[in-house]
Amino acid sequence: MSTARLARIADQIQRELSELIREGLRDPRVKLVTITGVELARDQSHAKVFFTTLGTAEEAQACGDGLERAAGFRRGGLAHRLSTRTVPELHFAYDDSIERGVRLSRLIDEAVAPPAPSRRRRPAG
């Protein structure tokens, strides 16, 4: 199967899954979730779904647990929305690339910023 077709299917899974989570997931651990990407296996049997959420690392872990718990139910919802022969098993992974990008940007800004003026003491006298 062509990589272009796999990319289109992955994009469709991302859109549909985002909508399914927003509309129908009632797990209190899953809140403020954004699906950032989907990697689809060549045989379409597995999809790695990357997500990000606002909050602490513990909240992100709890959100991932909630998404994993609802993966089968979300897969059934995808089956009704996709026109593919098979629907992949969903595996969720936290996407820390946004946090990493913000951290690197902050480090670059600090490195480029002019040094703060130092205060010199005047001799008493």
PDB file of N, CA and C in Angstrom:
ATOM      1  N   MET A   1       0.854  -1.181   0.000  1.00  0.00           N
ATOM      2  CA  MET A   1       0.000   0.000   0.000  1.00  0.00           C
ATOM      3  C   MET A   1       0.892   1.233   0.000  1.00  0.00           C
ATOM      4  N   SER A   2       0.478   2.238  -0.714  1.00  0.00           N
ATOM      5  CA  SER A   2       1.304   3.435  -0.848  1.00  0.00           C
ATOM      6  C   SER A   2       1.335   4.225   0.458  1.00  0.00           C
ATOM      7  N   THR A   3       2.432   4.918   0.647  1.00  0.00           N
ATOM      8  CA  THR A   3       2.565   5.710   1.866  1.00  0.00           C
ATOM      9  C   THR A   3       1.605   6.893   1.864  1.00  0.00           C
ATOM     10  N   ALA A   4       1.250   7.386   0.684  1.00  0.00           N
ATOM     11  CA  ALA A   4       0.295   8.496   0.605  1.00  0.00           C
ATOM     12  C   ALA A   4      -1.077   8.044   1.103  1.00  0.00           C
ATOM     13  N   ARG A   5      -1.480   6.841   0.724  1.00  0.00           N
ATOM     14  CA  ARG A   5      -2.767   6.319   1.191  1.00  0.00           C
ATOM     15  C   ARG A   5      -2.743   6.097   2.694  1.00  0.00           C
ATOM     16  N   LEU A   6      -1.651   5.543   3.216  1.00  0.00           N
ATOM     17  CA  LEU A   6      -1.537   5.357   4.660  1.00  0.00           C
ATOM     18  C   LEU A   6      -1.610   6.690   5.397  1.00  0.00           C
ATOM     19  N   ALA A   7      -0.983   7.710   4.840  1.00  0.00           N
ATOM     20  CA  ALA A   7      -1.015   9.036   5.467  1.00  0.00           C
ATOM     21  C   ALA A   7      -2.429   9.605   5.473  1.00  0.00           C
ATOM     22  N   ARG A   8      -3.168   9.418   4.375  1.00  0.00           N
ATOM     23  CA  ARG A   8      -4.559   9.897   4.332  1.00  0.00           C
ATOM     24  C   ARG A   8      -5.427   9.167   5.348  1.00  0.00           C
ATOM     25  N   ILE A   9      -5.238   7.868   5.471  1.00  0.00           N
ATOM     26  CA  ILE A   9      -6.014   7.098   6.444  1.00  0.00           C
ATOM     27  C   ILE A   9      -5.657   7.527   7.858  1.00  0.00           C
ATOM     28  N   ALA A  10      -4.371   7.728   8.117  1.00  0.00           N
ATOM     29  CA  ALA A  10      -3.939   8.174   9.453  1.00  0.00           C
ATOM     30  C   ALA A  10      -4.533   9.535   9.784  1.00  0.00           C
ATOM     31  N   ASP A  11      -4.571  10.439   8.815  1.00  0.00           N
ATOM     32  CA  ASP A  11      -5.171  11.759   9.038  1.00  0.00           C
ATOM     33  C   ASP A  11      -6.658  11.642   9.336  1.00  0.00           C
ATOM     34  N   GLN A  12      -7.330  10.750   8.608  1.00  0.00           N
ATOM     35  CA  GLN A  12      -8.754  10.561   8.851  1.00  0.00           C
ATOM     36  C   GLN A  12      -8.998   9.966  10.236  1.00  0.00           C
ATOM     37  N   ILE A  13      -8.160   9.013  10.640  1.00  0.00           N
ATOM     38  CA  ILE A  13      -8.275   8.441  11.983  1.00  0.00           C
ATOM     39  C   ILE A  13      -8.078   9.522  13.027  1.00  0.00           C
ATOM     40  N   GLN A  14      -7.103  10.405  12.820  1.00  0.00           N
ATOM     41  CA  GLN A  14      -6.842  11.492  13.760  1.00  0.00           C
ATOM     42  C   GLN A  14      -8.062  12.399  13.897  1.00  0.00           C
ATOM     43  N   ARG A  15      -8.654  12.798  12.782  1.00  0.00           N
ATOM     44  CA  ARG A  15      -9.824  13.679  12.827  1.00  0.00           C
ATOM     45  C   ARG A  15     -11.012  13.001  13.505  1.00  0.00           C
ATOM     46  N   GLU A  16     -11.311  11.785  13.093  1.00  0.00           N
ATOM     47  CA  GLU A  16     -12.470  11.079  13.635  1.00  0.00           C
ATOM     48  C   GLU A  16     -12.291  10.750  15.109  1.00  0.00           C
ATOM     49  N   LEU A  17     -11.093  10.344  15.486  1.00  0.00           N
ATOM     50  CA  LEU A  17     -10.835  10.004  16.881  1.00  0.00           C
ATOM     51  C   LEU A  17     -10.910  11.238  17.774  1.00  0.00           C
ATOM     52  N   SER A  18     -10.429  12.368  17.283  1.00  0.00           N
ATOM     53  CA  SER A  18     -10.534  13.618  18.047  1.00  0.00           C
ATOM     54  C   SER A  18     -11.994  13.947  18.323  1.00  0.00           C
ATOM     55  N   GLU A  19     -12.815  13.787  17.302  1.00  0.00           N
ATOM     56  CA  GLU A  19     -14.235  14.070  17.461  1.00  0.00           C
ATOM     57  C   GLU A  19     -14.909  13.066  18.407  1.00  0.00           C
ATOM     58  N   LEU A  20     -14.558  11.785  18.290  1.00  0.00           N
ATOM     59  CA  LEU A  20     -15.138  10.769  19.170  1.00  0.00           C
ATOM     60  C   LEU A  20     -14.778  11.023  20.638  1.00  0.00           C
ATOM     61  N   ILE A  21     -13.547  11.409  20.881  1.00  0.00           N
ATOM     62  CA  ILE A  21     -13.111  11.674  22.254  1.00  0.00           C
ATOM     63  C   ILE A  21     -13.817  12.909  22.788  1.00  0.00           C
ATOM     64  N   ARG A  22     -13.912  13.934  21.967  1.00  0.00           N
ATOM     65  CA  ARG A  22     -14.561  15.171  22.411  1.00  0.00           C
ATOM     66  C   ARG A  22     -16.048  14.956  22.688  1.00  0.00           C
ATOM     67  N   GLU A  23     -16.706  14.190  21.831  1.00  0.00           N
ATOM     68  CA  GLU A  23     -18.146  14.002  21.959  1.00  0.00           C
ATOM     69  C   GLU A  23     -18.551  12.973  22.998  1.00  0.00           C
ATOM     70  N   GLY A  24     -17.820  11.861  23.076  1.00  0.00           N
ATOM     71  CA  GLY A  24     -18.388  10.762  23.822  1.00  0.00           C
ATOM     72  C   GLY A  24     -17.595  10.172  24.959  1.00  0.00           C
ATOM     73  N   LEU A  25     -16.415  10.660  25.252  1.00  0.00           N
ATOM     74  CA  LEU A  25     -15.630  10.056  26.318  1.00  0.00           C
ATOM     75  C   LEU A  25     -15.955  10.732  27.636  1.00  0.00           C
ATOM     76  N   ARG A  26     -16.453   9.964  28.576  1.00  0.00           N
ATOM     77  CA  ARG A  26     -16.904  10.518  29.861  1.00  0.00           C
ATOM     78  C   ARG A  26     -15.947  10.243  31.012  1.00  0.00           C
ATOM     79  N   ASP A  27     -14.789   9.715  30.730  1.00  0.00           N
ATOM     80  CA  ASP A  27     -13.809   9.411  31.773  1.00  0.00           C
ATOM     81  C   ASP A  27     -13.271  10.721  32.347  1.00  0.00           C
ATOM     82  N   PRO A  28     -13.372  10.929  33.648  1.00  0.00           N
ATOM     83  CA  PRO A  28     -12.897  12.197  34.225  1.00  0.00           C
ATOM     84  C   PRO A  28     -11.387  12.397  34.120  1.00  0.00           C
ATOM     85  N   ARG A  29     -10.640  11.331  33.885  1.00  0.00           N
ATOM     86  CA  ARG A  29      -9.190  11.467  33.731  1.00  0.00           C
ATOM     87  C   ARG A  29      -8.818  12.079  32.388  1.00  0.00           C
ATOM     88  N   VAL A  30      -9.713  11.946  31.427  1.00  0.00           N
ATOM     89  CA  VAL A  30      -9.432  12.432  30.067  1.00  0.00           C
ATOM     90  C   VAL A  30     -10.081  13.791  29.889  1.00  0.00           C
ATOM     91  N   LYS A  31      -9.263  14.827  29.976  1.00  0.00           N
ATOM     92  CA  LYS A  31      -9.768  16.188  29.802  1.00  0.00           C
ATOM     93  C   LYS A  31      -8.705  17.015  29.096  1.00  0.00           C
ATOM     94  N   LEU A  32      -9.171  17.947  28.300  1.00  0.00           N
ATOM     95  CA  LEU A  32      -8.291  18.836  27.542  1.00  0.00           C
ATOM     96  C   LEU A  32      -7.239  18.065  26.750  1.00  0.00           C
ATOM     97  N   VAL A  33      -7.699  17.100  25.967  1.00  0.00           N
ATOM     98  CA  VAL A  33      -6.813  16.247  25.177  1.00  0.00           C
ATOM     99  C   VAL A  33      -6.782  16.726  23.733  1.00  0.00           C
ATOM    100  N   THR A  34      -5.603  16.718  23.159  1.00  0.00           N
ATOM    101  CA  THR A  34      -5.427  17.008  21.746  1.00  0.00           C
ATOM    102  C   THR A  34      -4.694  15.836  21.113  1.00  0.00           C
ATOM    103  N   ILE A  35      -5.264  15.292  20.046  1.00  0.00           N
ATOM    104  CA  ILE A  35      -4.599  14.239  19.289  1.00  0.00           C
ATOM    105  C   ILE A  35      -3.651  14.931  18.320  1.00  0.00           C
ATOM    106  N   THR A  36      -2.349  14.694  18.489  1.00  0.00           N
ATOM    107  CA  THR A  36      -1.356  15.411  17.689  1.00  0.00           C
ATOM    108  C   THR A  36      -0.893  14.645  16.463  1.00  0.00           C
ATOM    109  N   GLY A  37      -1.132  13.337  16.433  1.00  0.00           N
ATOM    110  CA  GLY A  37      -0.704  12.575  15.270  1.00  0.00           C
ATOM    111  C   GLY A  37      -1.065  11.109  15.397  1.00  0.00           C
ATOM    112  N   VAL A  38      -1.029  10.421  14.265  1.00  0.00           N
ATOM    113  CA  VAL A  38      -1.302   8.992  14.214  1.00  0.00           C
ATOM    114  C   VAL A  38      -0.280   8.351  13.291  1.00  0.00           C
ATOM    115  N   GLU A  39       0.386   7.301  13.786  1.00  0.00           N
ATOM    116  CA  GLU A  39       1.277   6.498  12.952  1.00  0.00           C
ATOM    117  C   GLU A  39       0.569   5.179  12.700  1.00  0.00           C
ATOM    118  N   LEU A  40       0.372   4.857  11.444  1.00  0.00           N
ATOM    119  CA  LEU A  40      -0.359   3.663  11.065  1.00  0.00           C
ATOM    120  C   LEU A  40       0.608   2.615  10.543  1.00  0.00           C
ATOM    121  N   ALA A  41       0.458   1.366  11.012  1.00  0.00           N
ATOM    122  CA  ALA A  41       1.298   0.272  10.518  1.00  0.00           C
ATOM    123  C   ALA A  41       0.979   0.023   9.044  1.00  0.00           C
ATOM    124  N   ARG A  42       1.943  -0.532   8.313  1.00  0.00           N
ATOM    125  CA  ARG A  42       1.753  -0.751   6.877  1.00  0.00           C
ATOM    126  C   ARG A  42       0.566  -1.660   6.585  1.00  0.00           C
ATOM    127  N   ASP A  43       0.301  -2.613   7.471  1.00  0.00           N
ATOM    128  CA  ASP A  43      -0.835  -3.510   7.249  1.00  0.00           C
ATOM    129  C   ASP A  43      -2.123  -2.992   7.896  1.00  0.00           C
ATOM    130  N   GLN A  44      -2.092  -1.816   8.438  1.00  0.00           N
ATOM    131  CA  GLN A  44      -3.238  -1.142   9.067  1.00  0.00           C
ATOM    132  C   GLN A  44      -3.806  -1.904  10.262  1.00  0.00           C
ATOM    133  N   SER A  45      -3.007  -2.739  10.888  1.00  0.00           N
ATOM    134  CA  SER A  45      -3.509  -3.507  12.026  1.00  0.00           C
ATOM    135  C   SER A  45      -3.341  -2.756  13.344  1.00  0.00           C
ATOM    136  N   HIS A  46      -2.408  -1.828  13.389  1.00  0.00           N
ATOM    137  CA  HIS A  46      -2.143  -1.073  14.608  1.00  0.00           C
ATOM    138  C   HIS A  46      -1.953   0.403  14.266  1.00  0.00           C
ATOM    139  N   ALA A  47      -2.428   1.240  15.166  1.00  0.00           N
ATOM    140  CA  ALA A  47      -2.237   2.689  15.021  1.00  0.00           C
ATOM    141  C   ALA A  47      -1.721   3.228  16.342  1.00  0.00           C
ATOM    142  N   LYS A  48      -0.614   3.932  16.275  1.00  0.00           N
ATOM    143  CA  LYS A  48      -0.068   4.590  17.462  1.00  0.00           C
ATOM    144  C   LYS A  48      -0.585   6.021  17.440  1.00  0.00           C
ATOM    145  N   VAL A  49      -1.372   6.353  18.456  1.00  0.00           N
ATOM    146  CA  VAL A  49      -2.033   7.653  18.523  1.00  0.00           C
ATOM    147  C   VAL A  49      -1.280   8.515  19.532  1.00  0.00           C
ATOM    148  N   PHE A  50      -0.764   9.643  19.069  1.00  0.00           N
ATOM    149  CA  PHE A  50      -0.034  10.556  19.942  1.00  0.00           C
ATOM    150  C   PHE A  50      -0.991  11.631  20.448  1.00  0.00           C
ATOM    151  N   PHE A  51      -0.913  11.911  21.737  1.00  0.00           N
ATOM    152  CA  PHE A  51      -1.791  12.913  22.334  1.00  0.00           C
ATOM    153  C   PHE A  51      -0.991  13.812  23.256  1.00  0.00           C
ATOM    154  N   THR A  52      -1.544  14.969  23.516  1.00  0.00           N
ATOM    155  CA  THR A  52      -0.984  15.880  24.496  1.00  0.00           C
ATOM    156  C   THR A  52      -2.134  16.435  25.315  1.00  0.00           C
ATOM    157  N   THR A  53      -1.821  16.869  26.513  1.00  0.00           N
ATOM    158  CA  THR A  53      -2.839  17.402  27.407  1.00  0.00           C
ATOM    159  C   THR A  53      -2.217  18.460  28.294  1.00  0.00           C
ATOM    160  N   LEU A  54      -3.052  19.341  28.786  1.00  0.00           N
ATOM    161  CA  LEU A  54      -2.579  20.346  29.725  1.00  0.00           C
ATOM    162  C   LEU A  54      -2.537  19.723  31.110  1.00  0.00           C
ATOM    163  N   GLY A  55      -1.562  20.098  31.886  1.00  0.00           N
ATOM    164  CA  GLY A  55      -1.492  19.600  33.246  1.00  0.00           C
ATOM    165  C   GLY A  55      -0.127  19.009  33.550  1.00  0.00           C
ATOM    166  N   THR A  56      -0.060  18.371  34.694  1.00  0.00           N
ATOM    167  CA  THR A  56       1.192  17.798  35.182  1.00  0.00           C
ATOM    168  C   THR A  56       1.465  16.460  34.520  1.00  0.00           C
ATOM    169  N   ALA A  57       2.639  15.917  34.799  1.00  0.00           N
ATOM    170  CA  ALA A  57       3.000  14.608  34.247  1.00  0.00           C
ATOM    171  C   ALA A  57       2.079  13.518  34.787  1.00  0.00           C
ATOM    172  N   GLU A  58       1.664  13.646  36.050  1.00  0.00           N
ATOM    173  CA  GLU A  58       0.749  12.656  36.631  1.00  0.00           C
ATOM    174  C   GLU A  58      -0.616  12.704  35.940  1.00  0.00           C
ATOM    175  N   GLU A  59      -1.085  13.904  35.629  1.00  0.00           N
ATOM    176  CA  GLU A  59      -2.366  14.049  34.923  1.00  0.00           C
ATOM    177  C   GLU A  59      -2.265  13.496  33.506  1.00  0.00           C
ATOM    178  N   ALA A  60      -1.120  13.687  32.857  1.00  0.00           N
ATOM    179  CA  ALA A  60      -0.919  13.147  31.512  1.00  0.00           C
ATOM    180  C   ALA A  60      -0.911  11.624  31.550  1.00  0.00           C
ATOM    181  N   GLN A  61      -0.290  11.048  32.579  1.00  0.00           N
ATOM    182  CA  GLN A  61      -0.280   9.595  32.733  1.00  0.00           C
ATOM    183  C   GLN A  61      -1.689   9.062  32.962  1.00  0.00           C
ATOM    184  N   ALA A  62      -2.454   9.737  33.819  1.00  0.00           N
ATOM    185  CA  ALA A  62      -3.836   9.329  34.084  1.00  0.00           C
ATOM    186  C   ALA A  62      -4.684   9.449  32.824  1.00  0.00           C
ATOM    187  N   CYS A  63      -4.450  10.483  32.056  1.00  0.00           N
ATOM    188  CA  CYS A  63      -5.178  10.676  30.798  1.00  0.00           C
ATOM    189  C   CYS A  63      -4.850   9.539  29.834  1.00  0.00           C
ATOM    190  N   GLY A  64      -3.595   9.167  29.734  1.00  0.00           N
ATOM    191  CA  GLY A  64      -3.197   8.050  28.880  1.00  0.00           C
ATOM    192  C   GLY A  64      -3.843   6.748  29.314  1.00  0.00           C
ATOM    193  N   ASP A  65      -3.919   6.538  30.632  1.00  0.00           N
ATOM    194  CA  ASP A  65      -4.585   5.340  31.144  1.00  0.00           C
ATOM    195  C   ASP A  65      -6.061   5.333  30.771  1.00  0.00           C
ATOM    196  N   GLY A  66      -6.707   6.487  30.866  1.00  0.00           N
ATOM    197  CA  GLY A  66      -8.115   6.592  30.496  1.00  0.00           C
ATOM    198  C   GLY A  66      -8.332   6.345  29.014  1.00  0.00           C
ATOM    199  N   LEU A  67      -7.434   6.860  28.190  1.00  0.00           N
ATOM    200  CA  LEU A  67      -7.542   6.632  26.749  1.00  0.00           C
ATOM    201  C   LEU A  67      -7.328   5.163  26.400  1.00  0.00           C
ATOM    202  N   GLU A  68      -6.347   4.532  27.042  1.00  0.00           N
ATOM    203  CA  GLU A  68      -6.091   3.110  26.794  1.00  0.00           C
ATOM    204  C   GLU A  68      -7.292   2.265  27.202  1.00  0.00           C
ATOM    205  N   ARG A  69      -7.910   2.631  28.321  1.00  0.00           N
ATOM    206  CA  ARG A  69      -9.062   1.871  28.799  1.00  0.00           C
ATOM    207  C   ARG A  69     -10.232   1.960  27.815  1.00  0.00           C
ATOM    208  N   ALA A  70     -10.383   3.089  27.153  1.00  0.00           N
ATOM    209  CA  ALA A  70     -11.490   3.299  26.217  1.00  0.00           C
ATOM    210  C   ALA A  70     -11.109   2.974  24.776  1.00  0.00           C
ATOM    211  N   ALA A  71      -9.920   2.419  24.549  1.00  0.00           N
ATOM    212  CA  ALA A  71      -9.442   2.185  23.182  1.00  0.00           C
ATOM    213  C   ALA A  71     -10.369   1.263  22.396  1.00  0.00           C
ATOM    214  N   GLY A  72     -10.850   0.206  23.000  1.00  0.00           N
ATOM    215  CA  GLY A  72     -11.742  -0.719  22.296  1.00  0.00           C
ATOM    216  C   GLY A  72     -13.046  -0.059  21.902  1.00  0.00           C
ATOM    217  N   PHE A  73     -13.589   0.729  22.791  1.00  0.00           N
ATOM    218  CA  PHE A  73     -14.839   1.433  22.507  1.00  0.00           C
ATOM    219  C   PHE A  73     -14.636   2.463  21.396  1.00  0.00           C
ATOM    220  N   ARG A  74     -13.521   3.183  21.431  1.00  0.00           N
ATOM    221  CA  ARG A  74     -13.213   4.166  20.387  1.00  0.00           C
ATOM    222  C   ARG A  74     -12.968   3.471  19.050  1.00  0.00           C
ATOM    223  N   ARG A  75     -12.386   2.285  19.100  1.00  0.00           N
ATOM    224  CA  ARG A  75     -12.164   1.522  17.873  1.00  0.00           C
ATOM    225  C   ARG A  75     -13.502   1.163  17.225  1.00  0.00           C
ATOM    226  N   GLY A  76     -14.468   0.788  18.044  1.00  0.00           N
ATOM    227  CA  GLY A  76     -15.800   0.500  17.517  1.00  0.00           C
ATOM    228  C   GLY A  76     -16.439   1.728  16.893  1.00  0.00           C
ATOM    229  N   GLY A  77     -16.247   2.889  17.514  1.00  0.00           N
ATOM    230  CA  GLY A  77     -16.756   4.133  16.944  1.00  0.00           C
ATOM    231  C   GLY A  77     -16.092   4.460  15.620  1.00  0.00           C
ATOM    232  N   LEU A  78     -14.793   4.178  15.526  1.00  0.00           N
ATOM    233  CA  LEU A  78     -14.081   4.414  14.267  1.00  0.00           C
ATOM    234  C   LEU A  78     -14.594   3.489  13.164  1.00  0.00           C
ATOM    235  N   ALA A  79     -14.969   2.266  13.534  1.00  0.00           N
ATOM    236  CA  ALA A  79     -15.449   1.305  12.539  1.00  0.00           C
ATOM    237  C   ALA A  79     -16.687   1.837  11.816  1.00  0.00           C
ATOM    238  N   HIS A  80     -17.513   2.587  12.511  1.00  0.00           N
ATOM    239  CA  HIS A  80     -18.708   3.156  11.890  1.00  0.00           C
ATOM    240  C   HIS A  80     -18.396   4.356  11.004  1.00  0.00           C
ATOM    241  N   ARG A  81     -17.262   4.998  11.252  1.00  0.00           N
ATOM    242  CA  ARG A  81     -16.937   6.236  10.535  1.00  0.00           C
ATOM    243  C   ARG A  81     -15.949   6.039   9.389  1.00  0.00           C
ATOM    244  N   LEU A  82     -15.134   5.000   9.450  1.00  0.00           N
ATOM    245  CA  LEU A  82     -14.127   4.770   8.412  1.00  0.00           C
ATOM    246  C   LEU A  82     -14.682   3.869   7.322  1.00  0.00           C
ATOM    247  N   SER A  83     -14.194   4.047   6.132  1.00  0.00           N
ATOM    248  CA  SER A  83     -14.619   3.201   5.023  1.00  0.00           C
ATOM    249  C   SER A  83     -13.542   2.185   4.656  1.00  0.00           C
ATOM    250  N   THR A  84     -12.697   1.829   5.610  1.00  0.00           N
ATOM    251  CA  THR A  84     -11.641   0.851   5.367  1.00  0.00           C
ATOM    252  C   THR A  84     -12.136  -0.550   5.738  1.00  0.00           C
ATOM    253  N   ARG A  85     -11.460  -1.546   5.218  1.00  0.00           N
ATOM    254  CA  ARG A  85     -11.845  -2.922   5.485  1.00  0.00           C
ATOM    255  C   ARG A  85     -11.590  -3.299   6.940  1.00  0.00           C
ATOM    256  N   THR A  86     -10.474  -2.863   7.475  1.00  0.00           N
ATOM    257  CA  THR A  86     -10.143  -3.158   8.875  1.00  0.00           C
ATOM    258  C   THR A  86      -9.970  -1.855   9.638  1.00  0.00           C
ATOM    259  N   VAL A  87     -10.163  -1.947  10.936  1.00  0.00           N
ATOM    260  CA  VAL A  87      -9.938  -0.808  11.821  1.00  0.00           C
ATOM    261  C   VAL A  87      -8.781  -1.197  12.740  1.00  0.00           C
ATOM    262  N   PRO A  88      -7.743  -0.372  12.806  1.00  0.00           N
ATOM    263  CA  PRO A  88      -6.558  -0.752  13.583  1.00  0.00           C
ATOM    264  C   PRO A  88      -6.810  -0.735  15.090  1.00  0.00           C
ATOM    265  N   GLU A  89      -6.007  -1.540  15.791  1.00  0.00           N
ATOM    266  CA  GLU A  89      -5.982  -1.467  17.251  1.00  0.00           C
ATOM    267  C   GLU A  89      -5.317  -0.146  17.614  1.00  0.00           C
ATOM    268  N   LEU A  90      -5.849   0.507  18.626  1.00  0.00           N
ATOM    269  CA  LEU A  90      -5.346   1.822  19.018  1.00  0.00           C
ATOM    270  C   LEU A  90      -4.403   1.693  20.204  1.00  0.00           C
ATOM    271  N   HIS A  91      -3.259   2.326  20.096  1.00  0.00           N
ATOM    272  CA  HIS A  91      -2.272   2.386  21.172  1.00  0.00           C
ATOM    273  C   HIS A  91      -1.946   3.861  21.382  1.00  0.00           C
ATOM    274  N   PHE A  92      -2.094   4.335  22.598  1.00  0.00           N
ATOM    275  CA  PHE A  92      -1.913   5.759  22.882  1.00  0.00           C
ATOM    276  C   PHE A  92      -0.542   6.014  23.491  1.00  0.00           C
ATOM    277  N   ALA A  93       0.085   7.115  23.063  1.00  0.00           N
ATOM    278  CA  ALA A  93       1.399   7.516  23.572  1.00  0.00           C
ATOM    279  C   ALA A  93       1.404   9.022  23.770  1.00  0.00           C
ATOM    280  N   TYR A  94       1.941   9.457  24.910  1.00  0.00           N
ATOM    281  CA  TYR A  94       2.017  10.882  25.205  1.00  0.00           C
ATOM    282  C   TYR A  94       3.057  11.537  24.304  1.00  0.00           C
ATOM    283  N   ASP A  95       2.712  12.658  23.719  1.00  0.00           N
ATOM    284  CA  ASP A  95       3.583  13.397  22.811  1.00  0.00           C
ATOM    285  C   ASP A  95       4.197  14.573  23.563  1.00  0.00           C
ATOM    286  N   ASP A  96       5.469  14.457  23.882  1.00  0.00           N
ATOM    287  CA  ASP A  96       6.126  15.531  24.635  1.00  0.00           C
ATOM    288  C   ASP A  96       6.896  16.490  23.736  1.00  0.00           C
ATOM    289  N   SER A  97       6.698  16.421  22.435  1.00  0.00           N
ATOM    290  CA  SER A  97       7.463  17.272  21.508  1.00  0.00           C
ATOM    291  C   SER A  97       7.140  18.752  21.694  1.00  0.00           C
ATOM    292  N   ILE A  98       5.907  19.078  22.055  1.00  0.00           N
ATOM    293  CA  ILE A  98       5.544  20.482  22.251  1.00  0.00           C
ATOM    294  C   ILE A  98       6.287  21.047  23.463  1.00  0.00           C
ATOM    295  N   GLU A  99       6.289  20.291  24.556  1.00  0.00           N
ATOM    296  CA  GLU A  99       7.006  20.738  25.755  1.00  0.00           C
ATOM    297  C   GLU A  99       8.499  20.864  25.475  1.00  0.00           C
ATOM    298  N   ARG A 100       9.046  19.898  24.730  1.00  0.00           N
ATOM    299  CA  ARG A 100      10.462  19.940  24.390  1.00  0.00           C
ATOM    300  C   ARG A 100      10.769  21.165  23.537  1.00  0.00           C
ATOM    301  N   GLY A 101       9.897  21.481  22.597  1.00  0.00           N
ATOM    302  CA  GLY A 101      10.080  22.652  21.737  1.00  0.00           C
ATOM    303  C   GLY A 101      10.046  23.948  22.520  1.00  0.00           C
ATOM    304  N   VAL A 102       9.120  24.058  23.466  1.00  0.00           N
ATOM    305  CA  VAL A 102       9.032  25.255  24.300  1.00  0.00           C
ATOM    306  C   VAL A 102      10.296  25.401  25.146  1.00  0.00           C
ATOM    307  N   ARG A 103      10.758  24.280  25.705  1.00  0.00           N
ATOM    308  CA  ARG A 103      11.965  24.315  26.533  1.00  0.00           C
ATOM    309  C   ARG A 103      13.181  24.730  25.707  1.00  0.00           C
ATOM    310  N   LEU A 104      13.322  24.175  24.495  1.00  0.00           N
ATOM    311  CA  LEU A 104      14.445  24.551  23.636  1.00  0.00           C
ATOM    312  C   LEU A 104      14.362  26.004  23.207  1.00  0.00           C
ATOM    313  N   SER A 105      13.168  26.473  22.903  1.00  0.00           N
ATOM    314  CA  SER A 105      12.992  27.867  22.523  1.00  0.00           C
ATOM    315  C   SER A 105      13.392  28.796  23.661  1.00  0.00           C
ATOM    316  N   ARG A 106      13.015  28.433  24.877  1.00  0.00           N
ATOM    317  CA  ARG A 106      13.376  29.232  26.048  1.00  0.00           C
ATOM    318  C   ARG A 106      14.898  29.255  26.232  1.00  0.00           C
ATOM    319  N   LEU A 107      15.555  28.099  26.048  1.00  0.00           N
ATOM    320  CA  LEU A 107      17.007  28.048  26.179  1.00  0.00           C
ATOM    321  C   LEU A 107      17.691  28.899  25.106  1.00  0.00           C
ATOM    322  N   ILE A 108      17.180  28.874  23.899  1.00  0.00           N
ATOM    323  CA  ILE A 108      17.754  29.689  22.816  1.00  0.00           C
ATOM    324  C   ILE A 108      17.577  31.168  23.134  1.00  0.00           C
ATOM    325  N   ASP A 109      16.389  31.537  23.613  1.00  0.00           N
ATOM    326  CA  ASP A 109      16.152  32.939  23.969  1.00  0.00           C
ATOM    327  C   ASP A 109      17.108  33.398  25.068  1.00  0.00           C
ATOM    328  N   GLU A 110      17.354  32.535  26.052  1.00  0.00           N
ATOM    329  CA  GLU A 110      18.278  32.891  27.132  1.00  0.00           C
ATOM    330  C   GLU A 110      19.709  33.021  26.619  1.00  0.00           C
ATOM    331  N   ALA A 111      20.095  32.163  25.678  1.00  0.00           N
ATOM    332  CA  ALA A 111      21.456  32.204  25.152  1.00  0.00           C
ATOM    333  C   ALA A 111      21.688  33.436  24.275  1.00  0.00           C
ATOM    334  N   VAL A 112      20.661  33.884  23.572  1.00  0.00           N
ATOM    335  CA  VAL A 112      20.790  35.010  22.651  1.00  0.00           C
ATOM    336  C   VAL A 112      20.611  36.344  23.365  1.00  0.00           C
ATOM    337  N   ALA A 113      19.893  36.349  24.457  1.00  0.00           N
ATOM    338  CA  ALA A 113      19.596  37.599  25.177  1.00  0.00           C
ATOM    339  C   ALA A 113      20.896  38.246  25.656  1.00  0.00           C
ATOM    340  N   PRO A 114      20.935  39.583  25.622  1.00  0.00           N
ATOM    341  CA  PRO A 114      22.141  40.264  26.114  1.00  0.00           C
ATOM    342  C   PRO A 114      22.283  40.036  27.622  1.00  0.00           C
ATOM    343  N   PRO A 115      23.518  39.995  28.085  1.00  0.00           N
ATOM    344  CA  PRO A 115      23.720  39.769  29.521  1.00  0.00           C
ATOM    345  C   PRO A 115      23.154  40.925  30.336  1.00  0.00           C
ATOM    346  N   ALA A 116      22.660  40.598  31.490  1.00  0.00           N
ATOM    347  CA  ALA A 116      22.105  41.617  32.384  1.00  0.00           C
ATOM    348  C   ALA A 116      23.241  42.507  32.877  1.00  0.00           C
ATOM    349  N   PRO A 117      22.988  43.811  32.981  1.00  0.00           N
ATOM    350  CA  PRO A 117      24.058  44.699  33.464  1.00  0.00           C
ATOM    351  C   PRO A 117      24.406  44.374  34.910  1.00  0.00           C
ATOM    352  N   SER A 118      25.706  44.331  35.169  1.00  0.00           N
ATOM    353  CA  SER A 118      26.133  44.011  36.531  1.00  0.00           C
ATOM    354  C   SER A 118      26.240  45.320  37.330  1.00  0.00           C
ATOM    355  N   ARG A 119      25.930  45.231  38.563  1.00  0.00           N
ATOM    356  CA  ARG A 119      26.019  46.416  39.436  1.00  0.00           C
ATOM    357  C   ARG A 119      27.405  46.453  40.069  1.00  0.00           C
ATOM    358  N   ARG A 120      28.031  47.559  39.916  1.00  0.00           N
ATOM    359  CA  ARG A 120      29.354  47.719  40.520  1.00  0.00           C
ATOM    360  C   ARG A 120      29.210  48.489  41.812  1.00  0.00           C
ATOM    361  N   ARG A 121      29.918  48.047  42.769  1.00  0.00           N
ATOM    362  CA  ARG A 121      29.919  48.747  44.066  1.00  0.00           C
ATOM    363  C   ARG A 121      30.847  49.954  43.990  1.00  0.00           C
ATOM    364  N   ARG A 122      30.351  50.984  44.585  1.00  0.00           N
ATOM    365  CA  ARG A 122      31.203  52.182  44.685  1.00  0.00           C
ATOM    366  C   ARG A 122      32.023  52.084  45.961  1.00  0.00           C
ATOM    367  N   PRO A 123      33.238  52.462  45.858  1.00  0.00           N
ATOM    368  CA  PRO A 123      34.060  52.435  47.092  1.00  0.00           C
ATOM    369  C   PRO A 123      33.532  53.432  48.108  1.00  0.00           C
ATOM    370  N   ALA A 124      33.487  52.995  49.350  1.00  0.00           N
ATOM    371  CA  ALA A 124      33.010  53.870  50.429  1.00  0.00           C
ATOM    372  C   ALA A 124      34.050  54.953  50.667  1.00  0.00           C
ATOM    373  N   GLY A 125      33.595  56.090  50.855  1.00  0.00           N
ATOM    374  CA  GLY A 125      34.643  57.029  51.120  1.00  0.00           C
ATOM    375  C   GLY A 125      34.336  58.382  51.254  1.00  0.00           C
TER     376      GLY A 125
END
